[in-house]
């Protein structure tokens, strides 16, 4: 065993100087076996504990003779001098030696503590912090700026006041319920969407290392055990639609209306598409030669996700006649343009619909009301009227009608294999729909199968 160093006084330690050269030196200061003060060529000093620990090991030569016997060497830094004075350094050295004797490596322990601290720091983000990061990536999926705002606004309105300041790792089931329960039965559609968005934000926090454990906003096997199914309590309803028997009469009234809004409404009724698809339609999407209107994925207000394929709408003779009669505005690509050249607003089409209804009432009619709710029909309701017409008045295939409405048909497997949009078959169906609106179609349209 090497001789024990004589304990140096604080004054002696302070007076130690580097002897010169480019390498650091270590001076045993005594008081605790192995405690040294390390001096850099620059004069900076720090405390180092030089010791051995663990089981004894032997190293033998080829003849089996022991040539080296000892324990593992370890140098443990104890901090800078004079931040740590001699008395504190000796205490830290004794503590480190005691841990080594107990089989605890102080350096490994320190590294683990630092890693845990860093992990806690990464997890130490509030719900709003994570929401900001997730939203910055999520909104790239949306083609509509309006929907981007709506996606975030729903969370900001209902979730942020309750859990926004909470650390994401602390958010539990009761916190999610505190957000959802007040609106689950009164605003079910909104609440259901909100739950999905909270689940996504918390899932993002988990994969980014900011929280661990189950997702408290998960529905299956979690919230579904507490909240009633949205389909059972939903207050959602369909858009007010025209009654089938009123459609020809309404069409005649529409034909008496002038203006771009009335023309757009006619085109929407004939195509059974959404208002956004009509309002943002451009001439570059129209192929008059092949009689097809093509809406590309990601187009504004198309409701077609960027990952979907383009949607094609067959153009009938009546549709093409309408398009050929449209006035064009220099500098505007829109089929149906507002006075300043931009797209028509959704309110414009709704106003035309409302004016027709009110005029009919003023002239002693009953107006144009939804058969189920008794509310005045709105433009989006054409889609429901069209679907009812296919089911009740025709022999056309229901799946073909769903394709015409841009709805997904069949399972995901079926969708993967059947990629046909049946555009030519649909052309005949849409022509028949146009004749029905114009009052020229028989009460019952039966699709005839042609046999070879």
Foldseek 3Di string as FASTA:
>chain_A
DDDFDDAADLVVVVPDFDPDDQDKDWDDRGPDPQWTWIAGNVGWIFIKRKDFADDKDFDADPVRHTPDIDGDIDIDTDTTPPVPGPVNSSVVNVVCVVCRHVVHHVVVVVVVVVVVVVLQVLLQDFLQRLVVVVLVPVCVQALAPVVSCVLVVLCVVQPCVQGRGPRLQPDALVSLCVRQVVCCQPAVVSSVSNLVSQQVSSVSCVVSSNYDDDRSSDCPPHCVVPDPDSVVRPPDDDAWAFDLVCLQVLLVLLVVDDALLSLLLLLCLLLLEDSQCSQAQFPVQADVVQQKGKDAASHYPRPHTNVHGIAIAGHEPVNVVSQVPQDDDPPAGHSRADPVRHTDDQVSNQVSQVVSQVVCVVVPHLGGTRPPPRHRGGSNNSLVSLLVCCVPAEADDSVLSCLSHVHDDDDPVVCVVDVDNCNVVVRVVSVLSVCSSNVNHPRHYYDDDDDD
